[in-house]
């Protein structure tokens, strides 16, 4: 006969009357991804253990047996989401900023932010290392200015240099003069 020793539940064996030596036939065990493919306790002892799981709370016994989601019915979200689609920039004015990674001084981030957004951009950049604000330029149409700067510096863009796991606003320049020259050309073009 193919048998296995039942572990019982905390020193109690429901199967003890039928199998006093706790050697129970293998078909009396539930399957489980265990080293032998069966649970440690037989079906009777397992049921006893599941029913006996209780918590003493204010002198009341509360059943804390495992519940499945389907027992409670379909779940409902705590809040309702509403998707808002915003087309284009809400505020066209803003800063085109240049920040440098102080640990790799040739790495610059050139981006656009709303009028009061410089500090939040610096805080965001510090998640990836130590960044310092080098320059900021005010534009009435900052998004367009940012795109023009990116186009002028496309040969320095990290993605164009073969890095695929970085954003489109990172540039490799050995000095900031390359970047300020490009931005000053855009400023002169707008003034003229």
C-alpha atoms as a PDB file:
ATOM      1  CA  UNK A   1       0.000   0.000   0.000  1.00  0.00           C
ATOM      2  CA  UNK A   2       1.332   3.433  -0.996  1.00  0.00           C
ATOM      3  CA  UNK A   3       1.229   5.619   2.174  1.00  0.00           C
ATOM      4  CA  UNK A   4       2.551   8.940   3.452  1.00  0.00           C
ATOM      5  CA  UNK A   5       2.901  10.302   6.990  1.00  0.00           C
ATOM      6  CA  UNK A   6       0.288  12.985   7.765  1.00  0.00           C
ATOM      7  CA  UNK A   7       1.621  16.050   9.593  1.00  0.00           C
ATOM      8  CA  UNK A   8      -1.767  16.823  11.186  1.00  0.00           C
ATOM      9  CA  UNK A   9      -2.623  20.319  12.399  1.00  0.00           C
ATOM     10  CA  UNK A  10      -0.670  21.695  15.385  1.00  0.00           C
ATOM     11  CA  UNK A  11      -0.446  18.329  17.111  1.00  0.00           C
ATOM     12  CA  UNK A  12      -4.012  17.279  16.284  1.00  0.00           C
ATOM     13  CA  UNK A  13      -4.793  14.475  13.833  1.00  0.00           C
ATOM     14  CA  UNK A  14      -8.362  14.215  12.519  1.00  0.00           C
ATOM     15  CA  UNK A  15      -7.252  11.049  10.770  1.00  0.00           C
ATOM     16  CA  UNK A  16      -5.971   9.570  14.057  1.00  0.00           C
ATOM     17  CA  UNK A  17      -9.021   7.305  14.588  1.00  0.00           C
ATOM     18  CA  UNK A  18      -8.635   5.692  11.164  1.00  0.00           C
ATOM     19  CA  UNK A  19      -4.831   5.764  11.032  1.00  0.00           C
ATOM     20  CA  UNK A  20      -3.317   5.777  14.573  1.00  0.00           C
ATOM     21  CA  UNK A  21       0.228   5.604  13.228  1.00  0.00           C
ATOM     22  CA  UNK A  22      -0.506   8.658  10.988  1.00  0.00           C
ATOM     23  CA  UNK A  23       0.501   6.702   7.897  1.00  0.00           C
ATOM     24  CA  UNK A  24      -2.319   7.637   5.485  1.00  0.00           C
ATOM     25  CA  UNK A  25      -2.854   6.353   1.925  1.00  0.00           C
ATOM     26  CA  UNK A  26      -1.528   8.846  -0.657  1.00  0.00           C
ATOM     27  CA  UNK A  27      -4.958   9.241  -2.329  1.00  0.00           C
ATOM     28  CA  UNK A  28      -6.212  10.865   0.909  1.00  0.00           C
ATOM     29  CA  UNK A  29      -3.939  13.901   0.318  1.00  0.00           C
ATOM     30  CA  UNK A  30      -4.588  16.957  -1.859  1.00  0.00           C
ATOM     31  CA  UNK A  31      -2.110  17.671  -4.621  1.00  0.00           C
ATOM     32  CA  UNK A  32       0.320  20.512  -4.167  1.00  0.00           C
ATOM     33  CA  UNK A  33       3.530  21.698  -5.832  1.00  0.00           C
ATOM     34  CA  UNK A  34       5.627  20.153  -3.072  1.00  0.00           C
ATOM     35  CA  UNK A  35       8.689  17.928  -3.302  1.00  0.00           C
ATOM     36  CA  UNK A  36       6.457  14.837  -3.481  1.00  0.00           C
ATOM     37  CA  UNK A  37       3.467  16.558  -5.135  1.00  0.00           C
ATOM     38  CA  UNK A  38       1.169  16.239  -2.092  1.00  0.00           C
ATOM     39  CA  UNK A  39       0.220  18.468   0.833  1.00  0.00           C
ATOM     40  CA  UNK A  40       1.795  17.731   4.225  1.00  0.00           C
ATOM     41  CA  UNK A  41      -1.576  17.087   5.940  1.00  0.00           C
ATOM     42  CA  UNK A  42      -4.233  14.683   4.698  1.00  0.00           C
ATOM     43  CA  UNK A  43      -7.587  16.057   3.459  1.00  0.00           C
ATOM     44  CA  UNK A  44      -9.291  15.538   6.858  1.00  0.00           C
ATOM     45  CA  UNK A  45      -6.549  17.290   8.831  1.00  0.00           C
ATOM     46  CA  UNK A  46      -6.315  20.044   6.235  1.00  0.00           C
ATOM     47  CA  UNK A  47     -10.078  20.743   6.525  1.00  0.00           C
ATOM     48  CA  UNK A  48      -9.765  20.752  10.313  1.00  0.00           C
ATOM     49  CA  UNK A  49      -6.867  23.228  10.147  1.00  0.00           C
ATOM     50  CA  UNK A  50      -8.712  25.545   7.740  1.00  0.00           C
ATOM     51  CA  UNK A  51     -11.787  25.561  10.004  1.00  0.00           C
ATOM     52  CA  UNK A  52      -9.678  26.039  13.140  1.00  0.00           C
ATOM     53  CA  UNK A  53      -7.879  29.150  11.917  1.00  0.00           C
ATOM     54  CA  UNK A  54      -9.367  31.727  14.231  1.00  0.00           C
ATOM     55  CA  UNK A  55      -8.343  34.974  15.785  1.00  0.00           C
ATOM     56  CA  UNK A  56      -9.353  36.111  19.252  1.00  0.00           C
ATOM     57  CA  UNK A  57     -10.705  39.649  18.880  1.00  0.00           C
ATOM     58  CA  UNK A  58     -12.432  41.297  21.872  1.00  0.00           C
ATOM     59  CA  UNK A  59     -13.260  37.876  23.344  1.00  0.00           C
ATOM     60  CA  UNK A  60     -15.015  36.880  20.119  1.00  0.00           C
ATOM     61  CA  UNK A  61     -13.812  34.176  17.808  1.00  0.00           C
ATOM     62  CA  UNK A  62     -13.509  35.513  14.285  1.00  0.00           C
ATOM     63  CA  UNK A  63     -13.121  33.155  11.374  1.00  0.00           C
ATOM     64  CA  UNK A  64     -10.180  34.234   9.219  1.00  0.00           C
ATOM     65  CA  UNK A  65     -10.133  31.350   6.793  1.00  0.00           C
ATOM     66  CA  UNK A  66      -8.861  32.191   3.336  1.00  0.00           C
ATOM     67  CA  UNK A  67     -11.484  33.776   1.147  1.00  0.00           C
ATOM     68  CA  UNK A  68     -11.510  33.921  -2.605  1.00  0.00           C
ATOM     69  CA  UNK A  69     -12.398  37.060  -4.518  1.00  0.00           C
ATOM     70  CA  UNK A  70     -15.403  35.366  -6.141  1.00  0.00           C
ATOM     71  CA  UNK A  71     -17.029  34.900  -2.703  1.00  0.00           C
ATOM     72  CA  UNK A  72     -17.392  38.666  -2.354  1.00  0.00           C
ATOM     73  CA  UNK A  73     -18.780  39.339  -5.812  1.00  0.00           C
ATOM     74  CA  UNK A  74     -17.308  41.624  -8.445  1.00  0.00           C
ATOM     75  CA  UNK A  75     -14.950  44.284  -7.179  1.00  0.00           C
ATOM     76  CA  UNK A  76     -15.619  47.982  -7.624  1.00  0.00           C
ATOM     77  CA  UNK A  77     -12.952  50.657  -7.945  1.00  0.00           C
ATOM     78  CA  UNK A  78     -12.610  53.096  -5.054  1.00  0.00           C
ATOM     79  CA  UNK A  79     -12.504  56.052  -7.423  1.00  0.00           C
ATOM     80  CA  UNK A  80     -13.730  56.619 -10.942  1.00  0.00           C
ATOM     81  CA  UNK A  81     -11.129  57.536 -13.504  1.00  0.00           C
ATOM     82  CA  UNK A  82     -11.813  60.080 -16.127  1.00  0.00           C
ATOM     83  CA  UNK A  83      -9.468  60.364 -19.059  1.00  0.00           C
ATOM     84  CA  UNK A  84      -8.709  63.909 -20.105  1.00  0.00           C
ATOM     85  CA  UNK A  85      -7.140  64.478 -23.499  1.00  0.00           C
ATOM     86  CA  UNK A  86      -5.115  67.677 -23.827  1.00  0.00           C
ATOM     87  CA  UNK A  87      -3.951  68.590 -27.278  1.00  0.00           C
ATOM     88  CA  UNK A  88      -0.838  70.708 -27.590  1.00  0.00           C
ATOM     89  CA  UNK A  89       0.765  72.832 -24.914  1.00  0.00           C
ATOM     90  CA  UNK A  90      -1.627  74.583 -22.547  1.00  0.00           C
ATOM     91  CA  UNK A  91       0.843  77.403 -21.792  1.00  0.00           C
ATOM     92  CA  UNK A  92       2.998  78.323 -24.793  1.00  0.00           C
ATOM     93  CA  UNK A  93       5.323  80.639 -22.830  1.00  0.00           C
ATOM     94  CA  UNK A  94       8.085  79.148 -20.775  1.00  0.00           C
ATOM     95  CA  UNK A  95      11.719  78.354 -20.320  1.00  0.00           C
ATOM     96  CA  UNK A  96      14.055  76.374 -22.511  1.00  0.00           C
ATOM     97  CA  UNK A  97      16.519  75.102 -19.935  1.00  0.00           C
ATOM     98  CA  UNK A  98      19.932  73.458 -20.084  1.00  0.00           C
ATOM     99  CA  UNK A  99      20.971  71.270 -17.177  1.00  0.00           C
ATOM    100  CA  UNK A 100      24.254  69.368 -16.858  1.00  0.00           C
ATOM    101  CA  UNK A 101      25.043  66.099 -15.127  1.00  0.00           C
ATOM    102  CA  UNK A 102      27.934  67.029 -12.821  1.00  0.00           C
ATOM    103  CA  UNK A 103      29.176  63.417 -12.657  1.00  0.00           C
ATOM    104  CA  UNK A 104      29.449  63.187 -16.462  1.00  0.00           C
ATOM    105  CA  UNK A 105      30.054  66.832 -17.437  1.00  0.00           C
ATOM    106  CA  UNK A 106      29.540  66.180 -21.163  1.00  0.00           C
ATOM    107  CA  UNK A 107      25.896  65.081 -20.612  1.00  0.00           C
ATOM    108  CA  UNK A 108      23.252  67.817 -20.956  1.00  0.00           C
ATOM    109  CA  UNK A 109      19.471  67.779 -20.840  1.00  0.00           C
ATOM    110  CA  UNK A 110      17.730  70.413 -22.946  1.00  0.00           C
ATOM    111  CA  UNK A 111      14.020  70.753 -22.364  1.00  0.00           C
ATOM    112  CA  UNK A 112      11.042  73.079 -22.064  1.00  0.00           C
ATOM    113  CA  UNK A 113       9.016  73.851 -18.991  1.00  0.00           C
ATOM    114  CA  UNK A 114       6.137  76.106 -18.002  1.00  0.00           C
ATOM    115  CA  UNK A 115       6.881  79.505 -16.372  1.00  0.00           C
ATOM    116  CA  UNK A 116       7.234  78.210 -12.785  1.00  0.00           C
ATOM    117  CA  UNK A 117       8.589  74.758 -13.632  1.00  0.00           C
ATOM    118  CA  UNK A 118      12.380  75.061 -13.460  1.00  0.00           C
ATOM    119  CA  UNK A 119      12.607  73.796  -9.868  1.00  0.00           C
ATOM    120  CA  UNK A 120      10.404  70.753 -10.553  1.00  0.00           C
ATOM    121  CA  UNK A 121      12.519  69.851 -13.604  1.00  0.00           C
ATOM    122  CA  UNK A 122      15.687  70.012 -11.511  1.00  0.00           C
ATOM    123  CA  UNK A 123      14.112  67.812  -8.832  1.00  0.00           C
ATOM    124  CA  UNK A 124      13.040  65.328 -11.496  1.00  0.00           C
ATOM    125  CA  UNK A 125      16.524  65.243 -13.056  1.00  0.00           C
ATOM    126  CA  UNK A 126      18.180  64.604  -9.680  1.00  0.00           C
ATOM    127  CA  UNK A 127      16.551  61.170  -9.609  1.00  0.00           C
ATOM    128  CA  UNK A 128      19.075  60.059 -12.223  1.00  0.00           C
ATOM    129  CA  UNK A 129      22.131  61.743 -10.734  1.00  0.00           C
ATOM    130  CA  UNK A 130      23.462  65.129  -9.724  1.00  0.00           C
ATOM    131  CA  UNK A 131      22.234  67.739 -12.226  1.00  0.00           C
ATOM    132  CA  UNK A 132      22.880  71.485 -12.137  1.00  0.00           C
ATOM    133  CA  UNK A 133      21.022  74.248 -13.995  1.00  0.00           C
ATOM    134  CA  UNK A 134      23.461  75.819 -16.469  1.00  0.00           C
ATOM    135  CA  UNK A 135      21.244  78.126 -18.559  1.00  0.00           C
ATOM    136  CA  UNK A 136      17.615  79.102 -19.012  1.00  0.00           C
ATOM    137  CA  UNK A 137      16.059  81.155 -21.806  1.00  0.00           C
ATOM    138  CA  UNK A 138      12.559  82.668 -21.877  1.00  0.00           C
ATOM    139  CA  UNK A 139      10.497  82.166 -25.044  1.00  0.00           C
ATOM    140  CA  UNK A 140       6.947  83.171 -25.917  1.00  0.00           C
ATOM    141  CA  UNK A 141       6.638  79.851 -27.775  1.00  0.00           C
ATOM    142  CA  UNK A 142       8.969  77.650 -25.776  1.00  0.00           C
ATOM    143  CA  UNK A 143       7.828  74.347 -27.313  1.00  0.00           C
ATOM    144  CA  UNK A 144       8.703  75.533 -30.807  1.00  0.00           C
ATOM    145  CA  UNK A 145      12.042  76.929 -29.573  1.00  0.00           C
ATOM    146  CA  UNK A 146      12.883  73.636 -27.855  1.00  0.00           C
ATOM    147  CA  UNK A 147      12.174  71.700 -31.060  1.00  0.00           C
ATOM    148  CA  UNK A 148      14.411  74.060 -33.040  1.00  0.00           C
ATOM    149  CA  UNK A 149      17.270  73.644 -30.541  1.00  0.00           C
ATOM    150  CA  UNK A 150      16.913  69.862 -30.685  1.00  0.00           C
ATOM    151  CA  UNK A 151      16.963  69.968 -34.500  1.00  0.00           C
ATOM    152  CA  UNK A 152      20.103  72.142 -34.546  1.00  0.00           C
ATOM    153  CA  UNK A 153      21.889  69.795 -32.118  1.00  0.00           C
ATOM    154  CA  UNK A 154      20.648  66.505 -33.586  1.00  0.00           C
ATOM    155  CA  UNK A 155      24.199  65.252 -34.229  1.00  0.00           C
ATOM    156  CA  UNK A 156      24.857  65.501 -30.466  1.00  0.00           C
ATOM    157  CA  UNK A 157      21.612  63.761 -29.436  1.00  0.00           C
ATOM    158  CA  UNK A 158      22.324  60.611 -27.401  1.00  0.00           C
ATOM    159  CA  UNK A 159      19.793  58.596 -29.396  1.00  0.00           C
ATOM    160  CA  UNK A 160      21.473  59.560 -32.658  1.00  0.00           C
ATOM    161  CA  UNK A 161      24.789  58.536 -31.109  1.00  0.00           C
ATOM    162  CA  UNK A 162      23.498  54.977 -30.650  1.00  0.00           C
ATOM    163  CA  UNK A 163      22.023  55.017 -27.140  1.00  0.00           C
ATOM    164  CA  UNK A 164      18.524  53.505 -27.258  1.00  0.00           C
ATOM    165  CA  UNK A 165      17.669  53.488 -23.563  1.00  0.00           C
ATOM    166  CA  UNK A 166      17.556  57.243 -22.970  1.00  0.00           C
ATOM    167  CA  UNK A 167      15.161  60.092 -23.586  1.00  0.00           C
ATOM    168  CA  UNK A 168      15.187  62.422 -26.576  1.00  0.00           C
ATOM    169  CA  UNK A 169      16.332  65.440 -24.536  1.00  0.00           C
ATOM    170  CA  UNK A 170      19.846  64.190 -23.662  1.00  0.00           C
ATOM    171  CA  UNK A 171      22.835  65.544 -25.566  1.00  0.00           C
ATOM    172  CA  UNK A 172      26.564  64.823 -25.534  1.00  0.00           C
ATOM    173  CA  UNK A 173      28.577  68.050 -25.866  1.00  0.00           C
ATOM    174  CA  UNK A 174      32.109  68.643 -24.628  1.00  0.00           C
ATOM    175  CA  UNK A 175      31.314  72.260 -23.727  1.00  0.00           C
ATOM    176  CA  UNK A 176      28.182  74.274 -23.161  1.00  0.00           C
ATOM    177  CA  UNK A 177      29.202  76.772 -25.849  1.00  0.00           C
ATOM    178  CA  UNK A 178      27.829  74.480 -28.576  1.00  0.00           C
ATOM    179  CA  UNK A 179      24.408  74.561 -26.937  1.00  0.00           C
ATOM    180  CA  UNK A 180      24.365  78.302 -26.121  1.00  0.00           C
ATOM    181  CA  UNK A 181      25.424  79.130 -29.700  1.00  0.00           C
ATOM    182  CA  UNK A 182      22.458  77.155 -31.061  1.00  0.00           C
ATOM    183  CA  UNK A 183      20.007  78.830 -28.672  1.00  0.00           C
ATOM    184  CA  UNK A 184      21.413  82.315 -29.425  1.00  0.00           C
ATOM    185  CA  UNK A 185      20.935  81.691 -33.180  1.00  0.00           C
ATOM    186  CA  UNK A 186      17.261  80.970 -32.525  1.00  0.00           C
ATOM    187  CA  UNK A 187      16.927  84.117 -30.393  1.00  0.00           C
ATOM    188  CA  UNK A 188      18.566  86.268 -33.109  1.00  0.00           C
ATOM    189  CA  UNK A 189      16.333  84.719 -35.772  1.00  0.00           C
ATOM    190  CA  UNK A 190      13.209  85.590 -33.737  1.00  0.00           C
ATOM    191  CA  UNK A 191      14.320  89.161 -33.085  1.00  0.00           C
ATOM    192  CA  UNK A 192      15.166  89.827 -36.732  1.00  0.00           C
END
